[in-house]
């Protein structure tokens, strides 16, 4: 009874060399073995298969394959092809040409991150990119715990230590309906602005921190009414409904500004300009594929960022 599980690569390679060269001696020279060692490999193969795999022809005693030997040679060629493909795949993965990365982005970046991933899939179809969207705390945790290879955020964290590469400008401003009294002016009275109700993101969010700094400089400690909401989308809808005004990334309201449903307050110190950063953790080695995608994103020079409409 055949014992195919006992067949080895050495046996198949010995068979292939004998089939191509016609003698044990020539096969031994090619493989760096002795003729008795090649004979032993062929004999063990025949025991495993349960049939002879070689026979001598009448012309000069050249060894040739039996029908069973032909079957095993075909199997050997298929195995060598599969192994060659596996080796090529491993080399490609080691050089960063294929693989998988996880990209974590703060929620404000969700307005352009899917388009960025789509472009990466187009330009690097052999690399699978997983996108995670969450608040700033989630992204920092992803960096700390190694749940992401790359991250996009507006303000790099102090911990964990990271390498941060600027991707492009990130404007912030005060958003209000076009019918709001402040929307018709090129300047604004800080006291009038401070009297408004601000619709704000949760404590700890990057937008909330930047808004608080802007207001502290503007009203110098004067309390401002705030209504906290958990997402930019909810805040936008609340501004449209007239519940208050908001300090947001202008990248989150490009479509509403383009259609005239929302406008950005104009005046001194606005918009507040920051930058988007591509962040990689320093406490863990960066994989070749992550380095390749990091370079690809950097080479885009921020072309994937939304274009903020210019108010007339």
C-alpha atoms as a PDB file:
ATOM      1  CA  UNK A   1       0.000   0.000   0.000  1.00  0.00           C
ATOM      2  CA  UNK A   2       1.454   3.413  -0.968  1.00  0.00           C
ATOM      3  CA  UNK A   3       2.677   5.631   1.863  1.00  0.00           C
ATOM      4  CA  UNK A   4       2.660   9.034   0.183  1.00  0.00           C
ATOM      5  CA  UNK A   5       3.113  10.742   3.547  1.00  0.00           C
ATOM      6  CA  UNK A   6       6.612   9.208   3.635  1.00  0.00           C
ATOM      7  CA  UNK A   7       7.672  10.949   0.423  1.00  0.00           C
ATOM      8  CA  UNK A   8      10.281  13.679   0.981  1.00  0.00           C
ATOM      9  CA  UNK A   9      11.481  16.656  -1.025  1.00  0.00           C
ATOM     10  CA  UNK A  10      14.951  15.103  -1.229  1.00  0.00           C
ATOM     11  CA  UNK A  11      13.496  12.023  -2.884  1.00  0.00           C
ATOM     12  CA  UNK A  12      11.495  14.061  -5.381  1.00  0.00           C
ATOM     13  CA  UNK A  13      14.477  16.242  -6.236  1.00  0.00           C
ATOM     14  CA  UNK A  14      16.632  13.163  -6.739  1.00  0.00           C
ATOM     15  CA  UNK A  15      13.985  11.734  -9.073  1.00  0.00           C
ATOM     16  CA  UNK A  16      13.774  14.964 -11.028  1.00  0.00           C
ATOM     17  CA  UNK A  17      17.540  15.154 -11.524  1.00  0.00           C
ATOM     18  CA  UNK A  18      17.773  11.520 -12.623  1.00  0.00           C
ATOM     19  CA  UNK A  19      14.860  12.009 -15.040  1.00  0.00           C
ATOM     20  CA  UNK A  20      16.538  15.062 -16.581  1.00  0.00           C
ATOM     21  CA  UNK A  21      20.101  13.683 -16.718  1.00  0.00           C
ATOM     22  CA  UNK A  22      19.452   9.955 -17.236  1.00  0.00           C
ATOM     23  CA  UNK A  23      21.935   8.579 -14.676  1.00  0.00           C
ATOM     24  CA  UNK A  24      22.517   8.362 -10.949  1.00  0.00           C
ATOM     25  CA  UNK A  25      26.072   9.660 -11.315  1.00  0.00           C
ATOM     26  CA  UNK A  26      25.053  12.827 -13.160  1.00  0.00           C
ATOM     27  CA  UNK A  27      22.233  13.454 -10.699  1.00  0.00           C
ATOM     28  CA  UNK A  28      24.662  13.018  -7.799  1.00  0.00           C
ATOM     29  CA  UNK A  29      27.065  15.574  -9.304  1.00  0.00           C
ATOM     30  CA  UNK A  30      24.263  18.122  -9.719  1.00  0.00           C
ATOM     31  CA  UNK A  31      22.959  17.692  -6.165  1.00  0.00           C
ATOM     32  CA  UNK A  32      26.371  17.414  -4.486  1.00  0.00           C
ATOM     33  CA  UNK A  33      25.749  13.845  -3.306  1.00  0.00           C
ATOM     34  CA  UNK A  34      27.187  10.398  -4.003  1.00  0.00           C
ATOM     35  CA  UNK A  35      25.571   7.939  -6.443  1.00  0.00           C
ATOM     36  CA  UNK A  36      24.748   5.541  -3.562  1.00  0.00           C
ATOM     37  CA  UNK A  37      22.945   8.398  -1.775  1.00  0.00           C
ATOM     38  CA  UNK A  38      20.867   9.117  -4.908  1.00  0.00           C
ATOM     39  CA  UNK A  39      20.130   5.377  -5.269  1.00  0.00           C
ATOM     40  CA  UNK A  40      18.966   5.318  -1.644  1.00  0.00           C
ATOM     41  CA  UNK A  41      16.647   8.291  -2.180  1.00  0.00           C
ATOM     42  CA  UNK A  42      15.108   6.673  -5.275  1.00  0.00           C
ATOM     43  CA  UNK A  43      14.720   3.313  -3.491  1.00  0.00           C
ATOM     44  CA  UNK A  44      12.971   4.929  -0.503  1.00  0.00           C
ATOM     45  CA  UNK A  45      10.681   6.801  -2.903  1.00  0.00           C
ATOM     46  CA  UNK A  46       9.726   3.544  -4.615  1.00  0.00           C
ATOM     47  CA  UNK A  47       8.979   1.950  -1.241  1.00  0.00           C
ATOM     48  CA  UNK A  48       6.731   4.902  -0.315  1.00  0.00           C
ATOM     49  CA  UNK A  49       4.950   4.853  -3.686  1.00  0.00           C
ATOM     50  CA  UNK A  50       4.718   1.062  -3.858  1.00  0.00           C
ATOM     51  CA  UNK A  51       5.966   1.013  -7.465  1.00  0.00           C
ATOM     52  CA  UNK A  52       9.157   1.388  -9.424  1.00  0.00           C
ATOM     53  CA  UNK A  53       9.661   4.954 -10.607  1.00  0.00           C
ATOM     54  CA  UNK A  54      12.680   4.357 -12.864  1.00  0.00           C
ATOM     55  CA  UNK A  55      13.614   1.763 -15.441  1.00  0.00           C
ATOM     56  CA  UNK A  56      16.546   1.310 -17.816  1.00  0.00           C
ATOM     57  CA  UNK A  57      16.052   1.835 -21.501  1.00  0.00           C
ATOM     58  CA  UNK A  58      17.626  -0.449 -24.050  1.00  0.00           C
ATOM     59  CA  UNK A  59      19.802   2.296 -25.491  1.00  0.00           C
ATOM     60  CA  UNK A  60      22.903   2.633 -23.381  1.00  0.00           C
ATOM     61  CA  UNK A  61      21.128   1.742 -20.180  1.00  0.00           C
ATOM     62  CA  UNK A  62      19.822   5.301 -19.692  1.00  0.00           C
ATOM     63  CA  UNK A  63      17.370   5.599 -16.817  1.00  0.00           C
ATOM     64  CA  UNK A  64      13.859   6.729 -17.702  1.00  0.00           C
ATOM     65  CA  UNK A  65      10.636   7.214 -15.804  1.00  0.00           C
ATOM     66  CA  UNK A  66       7.935   4.612 -15.431  1.00  0.00           C
ATOM     67  CA  UNK A  67       4.282   5.702 -15.572  1.00  0.00           C
ATOM     68  CA  UNK A  68       4.327   5.989 -11.781  1.00  0.00           C
ATOM     69  CA  UNK A  69       7.574   7.911 -12.015  1.00  0.00           C
ATOM     70  CA  UNK A  70       5.911  10.344 -14.444  1.00  0.00           C
ATOM     71  CA  UNK A  71       3.129  10.882 -11.890  1.00  0.00           C
ATOM     72  CA  UNK A  72       5.627  11.590  -9.136  1.00  0.00           C
ATOM     73  CA  UNK A  73       7.662  13.916 -11.359  1.00  0.00           C
ATOM     74  CA  UNK A  74       4.516  15.938 -12.114  1.00  0.00           C
ATOM     75  CA  UNK A  75       3.836  16.143  -8.366  1.00  0.00           C
ATOM     76  CA  UNK A  76       7.445  17.207  -7.778  1.00  0.00           C
ATOM     77  CA  UNK A  77       7.189  20.004 -10.341  1.00  0.00           C
ATOM     78  CA  UNK A  78       3.959  21.250  -8.807  1.00  0.00           C
ATOM     79  CA  UNK A  79       5.478  21.221  -5.335  1.00  0.00           C
ATOM     80  CA  UNK A  80       8.567  23.098  -6.525  1.00  0.00           C
ATOM     81  CA  UNK A  81       6.328  25.681  -8.196  1.00  0.00           C
ATOM     82  CA  UNK A  82       4.279  26.170  -5.030  1.00  0.00           C
ATOM     83  CA  UNK A  83       7.442  26.486  -2.932  1.00  0.00           C
ATOM     84  CA  UNK A  84       8.866  28.996  -5.387  1.00  0.00           C
ATOM     85  CA  UNK A  85       5.689  31.073  -5.158  1.00  0.00           C
ATOM     86  CA  UNK A  86       5.808  30.903  -1.363  1.00  0.00           C
ATOM     87  CA  UNK A  87       9.425  32.066  -1.355  1.00  0.00           C
ATOM     88  CA  UNK A  88       8.544  34.965  -3.668  1.00  0.00           C
ATOM     89  CA  UNK A  89       5.655  35.919  -1.398  1.00  0.00           C
ATOM     90  CA  UNK A  90       7.902  35.849   1.658  1.00  0.00           C
ATOM     91  CA  UNK A  91      10.491  38.025  -0.097  1.00  0.00           C
ATOM     92  CA  UNK A  92       7.768  40.448  -1.162  1.00  0.00           C
ATOM     93  CA  UNK A  93       6.389  40.636   2.370  1.00  0.00           C
ATOM     94  CA  UNK A  94       9.865  41.145   3.815  1.00  0.00           C
ATOM     95  CA  UNK A  95      10.480  44.017   1.400  1.00  0.00           C
ATOM     96  CA  UNK A  96       7.089  45.605   2.149  1.00  0.00           C
ATOM     97  CA  UNK A  97       5.569  44.859  -1.247  1.00  0.00           C
ATOM     98  CA  UNK A  98       2.622  42.920   0.180  1.00  0.00           C
ATOM     99  CA  UNK A  99       0.998  42.561   3.561  1.00  0.00           C
ATOM    100  CA  UNK A 100      -1.484  44.209   5.890  1.00  0.00           C
ATOM    101  CA  UNK A 101      -1.509  47.409   7.916  1.00  0.00           C
ATOM    102  CA  UNK A 102      -3.932  48.926  10.388  1.00  0.00           C
ATOM    103  CA  UNK A 103      -4.557  52.679  10.148  1.00  0.00           C
ATOM    104  CA  UNK A 104      -6.204  54.413  13.128  1.00  0.00           C
ATOM    105  CA  UNK A 105      -7.600  57.923  12.685  1.00  0.00           C
ATOM    106  CA  UNK A 106      -9.376  60.393  14.938  1.00  0.00           C
ATOM    107  CA  UNK A 107     -13.059  60.850  14.172  1.00  0.00           C
ATOM    108  CA  UNK A 108     -12.476  64.243  12.535  1.00  0.00           C
ATOM    109  CA  UNK A 109     -10.388  62.481   9.889  1.00  0.00           C
ATOM    110  CA  UNK A 110     -13.246  60.217   8.834  1.00  0.00           C
ATOM    111  CA  UNK A 111     -14.222  62.839   6.254  1.00  0.00           C
ATOM    112  CA  UNK A 112     -11.141  62.055   4.178  1.00  0.00           C
ATOM    113  CA  UNK A 113      -9.662  58.808   5.548  1.00  0.00           C
ATOM    114  CA  UNK A 114     -11.914  56.478   3.469  1.00  0.00           C
ATOM    115  CA  UNK A 115     -10.820  58.298   0.309  1.00  0.00           C
ATOM    116  CA  UNK A 116      -7.192  57.939   1.369  1.00  0.00           C
ATOM    117  CA  UNK A 117      -7.647  54.199   1.910  1.00  0.00           C
ATOM    118  CA  UNK A 118      -9.334  53.896  -1.483  1.00  0.00           C
ATOM    119  CA  UNK A 119      -6.340  55.606  -3.120  1.00  0.00           C
ATOM    120  CA  UNK A 120      -3.951  53.270  -1.284  1.00  0.00           C
ATOM    121  CA  UNK A 121      -5.940  50.271  -2.512  1.00  0.00           C
ATOM    122  CA  UNK A 122      -5.692  51.603  -6.047  1.00  0.00           C
ATOM    123  CA  UNK A 123      -1.961  52.322  -5.924  1.00  0.00           C
ATOM    124  CA  UNK A 124      -1.016  49.366  -3.681  1.00  0.00           C
ATOM    125  CA  UNK A 125      -3.634  46.647  -4.314  1.00  0.00           C
ATOM    126  CA  UNK A 126      -1.372  44.005  -2.798  1.00  0.00           C
ATOM    127  CA  UNK A 127      -1.499  45.713   0.628  1.00  0.00           C
ATOM    128  CA  UNK A 128      -4.632  45.316   2.735  1.00  0.00           C
ATOM    129  CA  UNK A 129      -5.425  48.370   4.849  1.00  0.00           C
ATOM    130  CA  UNK A 130      -7.760  48.212   7.840  1.00  0.00           C
ATOM    131  CA  UNK A 131      -9.259  51.542   8.929  1.00  0.00           C
ATOM    132  CA  UNK A 132     -10.173  52.253  12.563  1.00  0.00           C
ATOM    133  CA  UNK A 133     -11.984  55.475  13.461  1.00  0.00           C
ATOM    134  CA  UNK A 134     -12.376  56.715  17.023  1.00  0.00           C
ATOM    135  CA  UNK A 135     -11.746  59.551  19.405  1.00  0.00           C
ATOM    136  CA  UNK A 136      -8.307  60.778  20.353  1.00  0.00           C
ATOM    137  CA  UNK A 137      -8.097  58.512  23.403  1.00  0.00           C
ATOM    138  CA  UNK A 138      -8.793  55.419  21.280  1.00  0.00           C
ATOM    139  CA  UNK A 139      -6.111  56.336  18.757  1.00  0.00           C
ATOM    140  CA  UNK A 140      -3.541  56.933  21.505  1.00  0.00           C
ATOM    141  CA  UNK A 141      -4.460  53.563  23.032  1.00  0.00           C
ATOM    142  CA  UNK A 142      -4.036  51.915  19.629  1.00  0.00           C
ATOM    143  CA  UNK A 143      -0.554  53.398  19.368  1.00  0.00           C
ATOM    144  CA  UNK A 144       0.329  52.385  22.915  1.00  0.00           C
ATOM    145  CA  UNK A 145      -0.948  48.808  22.615  1.00  0.00           C
ATOM    146  CA  UNK A 146       0.297  48.156  19.103  1.00  0.00           C
ATOM    147  CA  UNK A 147      -3.193  47.869  17.622  1.00  0.00           C
ATOM    148  CA  UNK A 148      -2.231  50.081  14.684  1.00  0.00           C
ATOM    149  CA  UNK A 149       0.773  50.496  12.435  1.00  0.00           C
ATOM    150  CA  UNK A 150       0.027  54.106  11.503  1.00  0.00           C
ATOM    151  CA  UNK A 151      -2.274  56.806  12.827  1.00  0.00           C
ATOM    152  CA  UNK A 152      -3.563  60.151  11.608  1.00  0.00           C
ATOM    153  CA  UNK A 153      -4.362  62.825  14.164  1.00  0.00           C
ATOM    154  CA  UNK A 154      -4.214  66.546  14.681  1.00  0.00           C
ATOM    155  CA  UNK A 155      -1.920  66.701  17.694  1.00  0.00           C
ATOM    156  CA  UNK A 156       0.668  63.970  18.332  1.00  0.00           C
ATOM    157  CA  UNK A 157       0.623  62.557  21.874  1.00  0.00           C
ATOM    158  CA  UNK A 158       3.425  62.965  24.385  1.00  0.00           C
ATOM    159  CA  UNK A 159       3.008  59.333  25.368  1.00  0.00           C
ATOM    160  CA  UNK A 160       3.670  56.955  23.793  1.00  0.00           C
ATOM    161  CA  UNK A 161       6.658  58.415  22.005  1.00  0.00           C
ATOM    162  CA  UNK A 162       5.956  58.714  18.301  1.00  0.00           C
ATOM    163  CA  UNK A 163       7.409  59.954  15.057  1.00  0.00           C
ATOM    164  CA  UNK A 164       5.056  62.547  13.583  1.00  0.00           C
ATOM    165  CA  UNK A 165       5.204  63.669   9.948  1.00  0.00           C
ATOM    166  CA  UNK A 166       3.076  66.688   8.883  1.00  0.00           C
ATOM    167  CA  UNK A 167       0.569  65.824   6.167  1.00  0.00           C
ATOM    168  CA  UNK A 168      -1.022  69.197   5.501  1.00  0.00           C
ATOM    169  CA  UNK A 169      -2.896  72.141   7.031  1.00  0.00           C
ATOM    170  CA  UNK A 170      -5.850  71.545   9.318  1.00  0.00           C
ATOM    171  CA  UNK A 171      -8.001  74.683   9.656  1.00  0.00           C
ATOM    172  CA  UNK A 172     -10.488  75.124  12.508  1.00  0.00           C
ATOM    173  CA  UNK A 173     -13.133  77.776  12.914  1.00  0.00           C
ATOM    174  CA  UNK A 174     -16.429  78.859  14.385  1.00  0.00           C
ATOM    175  CA  UNK A 175     -19.354  77.468  12.400  1.00  0.00           C
ATOM    176  CA  UNK A 176     -22.799  79.058  12.279  1.00  0.00           C
ATOM    177  CA  UNK A 177     -25.889  79.232  10.053  1.00  0.00           C
ATOM    178  CA  UNK A 178     -25.783  81.817   7.243  1.00  0.00           C
ATOM    179  CA  UNK A 179     -28.728  83.642   8.875  1.00  0.00           C
ATOM    180  CA  UNK A 180     -26.870  84.163  12.152  1.00  0.00           C
ATOM    181  CA  UNK A 181     -26.145  87.851  12.942  1.00  0.00           C
ATOM    182  CA  UNK A 182     -22.406  87.179  13.237  1.00  0.00           C
ATOM    183  CA  UNK A 183     -22.321  85.533   9.798  1.00  0.00           C
ATOM    184  CA  UNK A 184     -22.662  88.844   7.971  1.00  0.00           C
ATOM    185  CA  UNK A 185     -19.568  90.507   9.440  1.00  0.00           C
ATOM    186  CA  UNK A 186     -15.886  90.337   8.587  1.00  0.00           C
ATOM    187  CA  UNK A 187     -15.071  90.871  12.257  1.00  0.00           C
ATOM    188  CA  UNK A 188     -16.718  90.035  15.528  1.00  0.00           C
ATOM    189  CA  UNK A 189     -17.111  91.348  19.047  1.00  0.00           C
ATOM    190  CA  UNK A 190     -15.483  88.863  21.463  1.00  0.00           C
ATOM    191  CA  UNK A 191     -18.126  89.633  24.073  1.00  0.00           C
ATOM    192  CA  UNK A 192     -20.921  88.910  21.602  1.00  0.00           C
ATOM    193  CA  UNK A 193     -19.262  85.645  20.622  1.00  0.00           C
ATOM    194  CA  UNK A 194     -18.782  84.659  24.256  1.00  0.00           C
ATOM    195  CA  UNK A 195     -22.507  85.157  24.867  1.00  0.00           C
ATOM    196  CA  UNK A 196     -23.363  82.392  22.394  1.00  0.00           C
ATOM    197  CA  UNK A 197     -23.996  78.759  23.291  1.00  0.00           C
ATOM    198  CA  UNK A 198     -21.146  76.589  22.004  1.00  0.00           C
ATOM    199  CA  UNK A 199     -21.900  73.043  20.932  1.00  0.00           C
ATOM    200  CA  UNK A 200     -18.812  71.104  21.931  1.00  0.00           C
ATOM    201  CA  UNK A 201     -17.221  67.667  21.638  1.00  0.00           C
ATOM    202  CA  UNK A 202     -16.498  65.580  24.720  1.00  0.00           C
ATOM    203  CA  UNK A 203     -13.728  66.399  27.182  1.00  0.00           C
ATOM    204  CA  UNK A 204     -10.369  65.150  25.948  1.00  0.00           C
ATOM    205  CA  UNK A 205     -11.117  65.376  22.241  1.00  0.00           C
ATOM    206  CA  UNK A 206      -8.570  67.273  20.169  1.00  0.00           C
ATOM    207  CA  UNK A 207     -11.215  69.670  18.858  1.00  0.00           C
ATOM    208  CA  UNK A 208     -12.493  70.409  22.373  1.00  0.00           C
ATOM    209  CA  UNK A 209      -8.967  71.170  23.616  1.00  0.00           C
ATOM    210  CA  UNK A 210      -8.282  73.532  20.718  1.00  0.00           C
ATOM    211  CA  UNK A 211     -11.669  75.229  21.161  1.00  0.00           C
ATOM    212  CA  UNK A 212     -10.994  75.824  24.840  1.00  0.00           C
ATOM    213  CA  UNK A 213      -7.625  77.413  24.049  1.00  0.00           C
ATOM    214  CA  UNK A 214      -9.223  79.661  21.437  1.00  0.00           C
ATOM    215  CA  UNK A 215     -11.952  80.804  23.825  1.00  0.00           C
ATOM    216  CA  UNK A 216      -9.556  81.288  26.742  1.00  0.00           C
ATOM    217  CA  UNK A 217      -7.454  83.659  24.636  1.00  0.00           C
ATOM    218  CA  UNK A 218     -10.559  85.404  23.339  1.00  0.00           C
ATOM    219  CA  UNK A 219     -12.585  85.991  26.494  1.00  0.00           C
ATOM    220  CA  UNK A 220      -9.785  85.665  29.094  1.00  0.00           C
ATOM    221  CA  UNK A 221     -11.495  83.356  31.544  1.00  0.00           C
ATOM    222  CA  UNK A 222     -15.076  84.544  31.024  1.00  0.00           C
ATOM    223  CA  UNK A 223     -17.378  81.496  31.330  1.00  0.00           C
ATOM    224  CA  UNK A 224     -18.958  80.295  28.103  1.00  0.00           C
ATOM    225  CA  UNK A 225     -22.138  78.245  27.859  1.00  0.00           C
ATOM    226  CA  UNK A 226     -21.446  74.830  26.388  1.00  0.00           C
ATOM    227  CA  UNK A 227     -23.658  71.983  25.322  1.00  0.00           C
ATOM    228  CA  UNK A 228     -21.655  68.772  24.947  1.00  0.00           C
ATOM    229  CA  UNK A 229     -22.347  66.370  22.087  1.00  0.00           C
ATOM    230  CA  UNK A 230     -20.650  63.127  21.115  1.00  0.00           C
ATOM    231  CA  UNK A 231     -19.981  63.577  17.397  1.00  0.00           C
ATOM    232  CA  UNK A 232     -19.276  66.156  14.735  1.00  0.00           C
ATOM    233  CA  UNK A 233     -22.350  65.053  12.812  1.00  0.00           C
ATOM    234  CA  UNK A 234     -24.623  65.693  15.799  1.00  0.00           C
ATOM    235  CA  UNK A 235     -23.013  69.089  16.329  1.00  0.00           C
ATOM    236  CA  UNK A 236     -23.516  70.046  12.675  1.00  0.00           C
ATOM    237  CA  UNK A 237     -27.177  69.106  12.780  1.00  0.00           C
ATOM    238  CA  UNK A 238     -27.618  71.038  16.034  1.00  0.00           C
ATOM    239  CA  UNK A 239     -26.021  74.154  14.504  1.00  0.00           C
ATOM    240  CA  UNK A 240     -28.315  73.839  11.487  1.00  0.00           C
ATOM    241  CA  UNK A 241     -31.261  73.554  13.866  1.00  0.00           C
ATOM    242  CA  UNK A 242     -30.252  76.779  15.631  1.00  0.00           C
ATOM    243  CA  UNK A 243     -29.280  75.263  18.978  1.00  0.00           C
ATOM    244  CA  UNK A 244     -25.985  77.139  19.063  1.00  0.00           C
ATOM    245  CA  UNK A 245     -22.707  77.626  17.236  1.00  0.00           C
ATOM    246  CA  UNK A 246     -19.655  75.388  17.175  1.00  0.00           C
ATOM    247  CA  UNK A 247     -15.885  75.382  16.936  1.00  0.00           C
ATOM    248  CA  UNK A 248     -15.004  72.591  14.518  1.00  0.00           C
ATOM    249  CA  UNK A 249     -12.435  71.406  12.044  1.00  0.00           C
ATOM    250  CA  UNK A 250     -13.392  73.038   8.772  1.00  0.00           C
ATOM    251  CA  UNK A 251     -12.614  69.720   7.100  1.00  0.00           C
ATOM    252  CA  UNK A 252     -15.747  68.325   8.750  1.00  0.00           C
ATOM    253  CA  UNK A 253     -18.077  70.927   7.216  1.00  0.00           C
ATOM    254  CA  UNK A 254     -16.745  71.367   3.675  1.00  0.00           C
ATOM    255  CA  UNK A 255     -19.913  70.047   2.051  1.00  0.00           C
ATOM    256  CA  UNK A 256     -22.206  72.219   4.204  1.00  0.00           C
ATOM    257  CA  UNK A 257     -20.057  75.282   3.475  1.00  0.00           C
ATOM    258  CA  UNK A 258     -20.005  74.475  -0.239  1.00  0.00           C
ATOM    259  CA  UNK A 259     -23.812  74.342  -0.364  1.00  0.00           C
ATOM    260  CA  UNK A 260     -24.213  77.435   1.834  1.00  0.00           C
ATOM    261  CA  UNK A 261     -25.941  75.635   4.686  1.00  0.00           C
ATOM    262  CA  UNK A 262     -23.183  76.657   7.098  1.00  0.00           C
ATOM    263  CA  UNK A 263     -20.599  79.425   7.085  1.00  0.00           C
ATOM    264  CA  UNK A 264     -17.374  80.057   8.966  1.00  0.00           C
ATOM    265  CA  UNK A 265     -17.045  83.089  11.195  1.00  0.00           C
ATOM    266  CA  UNK A 266     -14.599  85.641   9.787  1.00  0.00           C
ATOM    267  CA  UNK A 267     -12.332  87.804  11.859  1.00  0.00           C
ATOM    268  CA  UNK A 268      -9.024  88.168  13.625  1.00  0.00           C
ATOM    269  CA  UNK A 269      -7.368  84.871  14.527  1.00  0.00           C
ATOM    270  CA  UNK A 270      -9.634  82.791  12.310  1.00  0.00           C
ATOM    271  CA  UNK A 271      -9.312  80.221  11.007  1.00  0.00           C
ATOM    272  CA  UNK A 272      -7.109  78.618  13.644  1.00  0.00           C
ATOM    273  CA  UNK A 273      -4.497  76.719  11.676  1.00  0.00           C
ATOM    274  CA  UNK A 274      -3.091  73.429  12.807  1.00  0.00           C
ATOM    275  CA  UNK A 275      -1.693  70.423  10.934  1.00  0.00           C
ATOM    276  CA  UNK A 276      -2.635  66.839  10.306  1.00  0.00           C
ATOM    277  CA  UNK A 277       0.099  64.372  11.258  1.00  0.00           C
ATOM    278  CA  UNK A 278       0.919  60.844  10.221  1.00  0.00           C
ATOM    279  CA  UNK A 279       2.077  59.151  13.396  1.00  0.00           C
ATOM    280  CA  UNK A 280       4.050  55.946  13.996  1.00  0.00           C
ATOM    281  CA  UNK A 281       4.974  54.548  17.432  1.00  0.00           C
ATOM    282  CA  UNK A 282       8.644  54.461  18.387  1.00  0.00           C
ATOM    283  CA  UNK A 283       8.422  51.688  20.988  1.00  0.00           C
ATOM    284  CA  UNK A 284       7.854  48.969  18.372  1.00  0.00           C
ATOM    285  CA  UNK A 285       9.638  48.191  15.088  1.00  0.00           C
ATOM    286  CA  UNK A 286       7.867  49.373  11.950  1.00  0.00           C
ATOM    287  CA  UNK A 287       7.180  46.599   9.440  1.00  0.00           C
ATOM    288  CA  UNK A 288       8.485  46.999   5.863  1.00  0.00           C
ATOM    289  CA  UNK A 289       4.929  47.215   4.510  1.00  0.00           C
ATOM    290  CA  UNK A 290       4.042  49.944   7.036  1.00  0.00           C
ATOM    291  CA  UNK A 291       7.161  51.880   6.024  1.00  0.00           C
ATOM    292  CA  UNK A 292       6.111  51.570   2.390  1.00  0.00           C
ATOM    293  CA  UNK A 293       2.578  52.841   3.043  1.00  0.00           C
ATOM    294  CA  UNK A 294       3.923  55.614   5.298  1.00  0.00           C
ATOM    295  CA  UNK A 295       6.125  56.780   2.419  1.00  0.00           C
ATOM    296  CA  UNK A 296       3.219  56.526  -0.026  1.00  0.00           C
ATOM    297  CA  UNK A 297       0.975  58.684   2.166  1.00  0.00           C
ATOM    298  CA  UNK A 298       3.734  61.239   2.650  1.00  0.00           C
ATOM    299  CA  UNK A 299       4.333  61.402  -1.105  1.00  0.00           C
ATOM    300  CA  UNK A 300       0.703  62.446  -1.638  1.00  0.00           C
ATOM    301  CA  UNK A 301       1.538  65.835  -0.066  1.00  0.00           C
ATOM    302  CA  UNK A 302      -1.907  66.146   1.498  1.00  0.00           C
ATOM    303  CA  UNK A 303      -3.788  65.972  -1.813  1.00  0.00           C
ATOM    304  CA  UNK A 304      -6.378  63.734  -0.136  1.00  0.00           C
ATOM    305  CA  UNK A 305      -7.344  66.453   2.369  1.00  0.00           C
ATOM    306  CA  UNK A 306     -10.654  68.258   1.776  1.00  0.00           C
ATOM    307  CA  UNK A 307     -10.571  71.678   0.127  1.00  0.00           C
ATOM    308  CA  UNK A 308     -12.257  74.238   2.345  1.00  0.00           C
ATOM    309  CA  UNK A 309     -14.527  76.619   0.340  1.00  0.00           C
ATOM    310  CA  UNK A 310     -13.422  80.240   0.448  1.00  0.00           C
ATOM    311  CA  UNK A 311     -16.076  82.633   1.744  1.00  0.00           C
ATOM    312  CA  UNK A 312     -16.784  85.621  -0.467  1.00  0.00           C
END
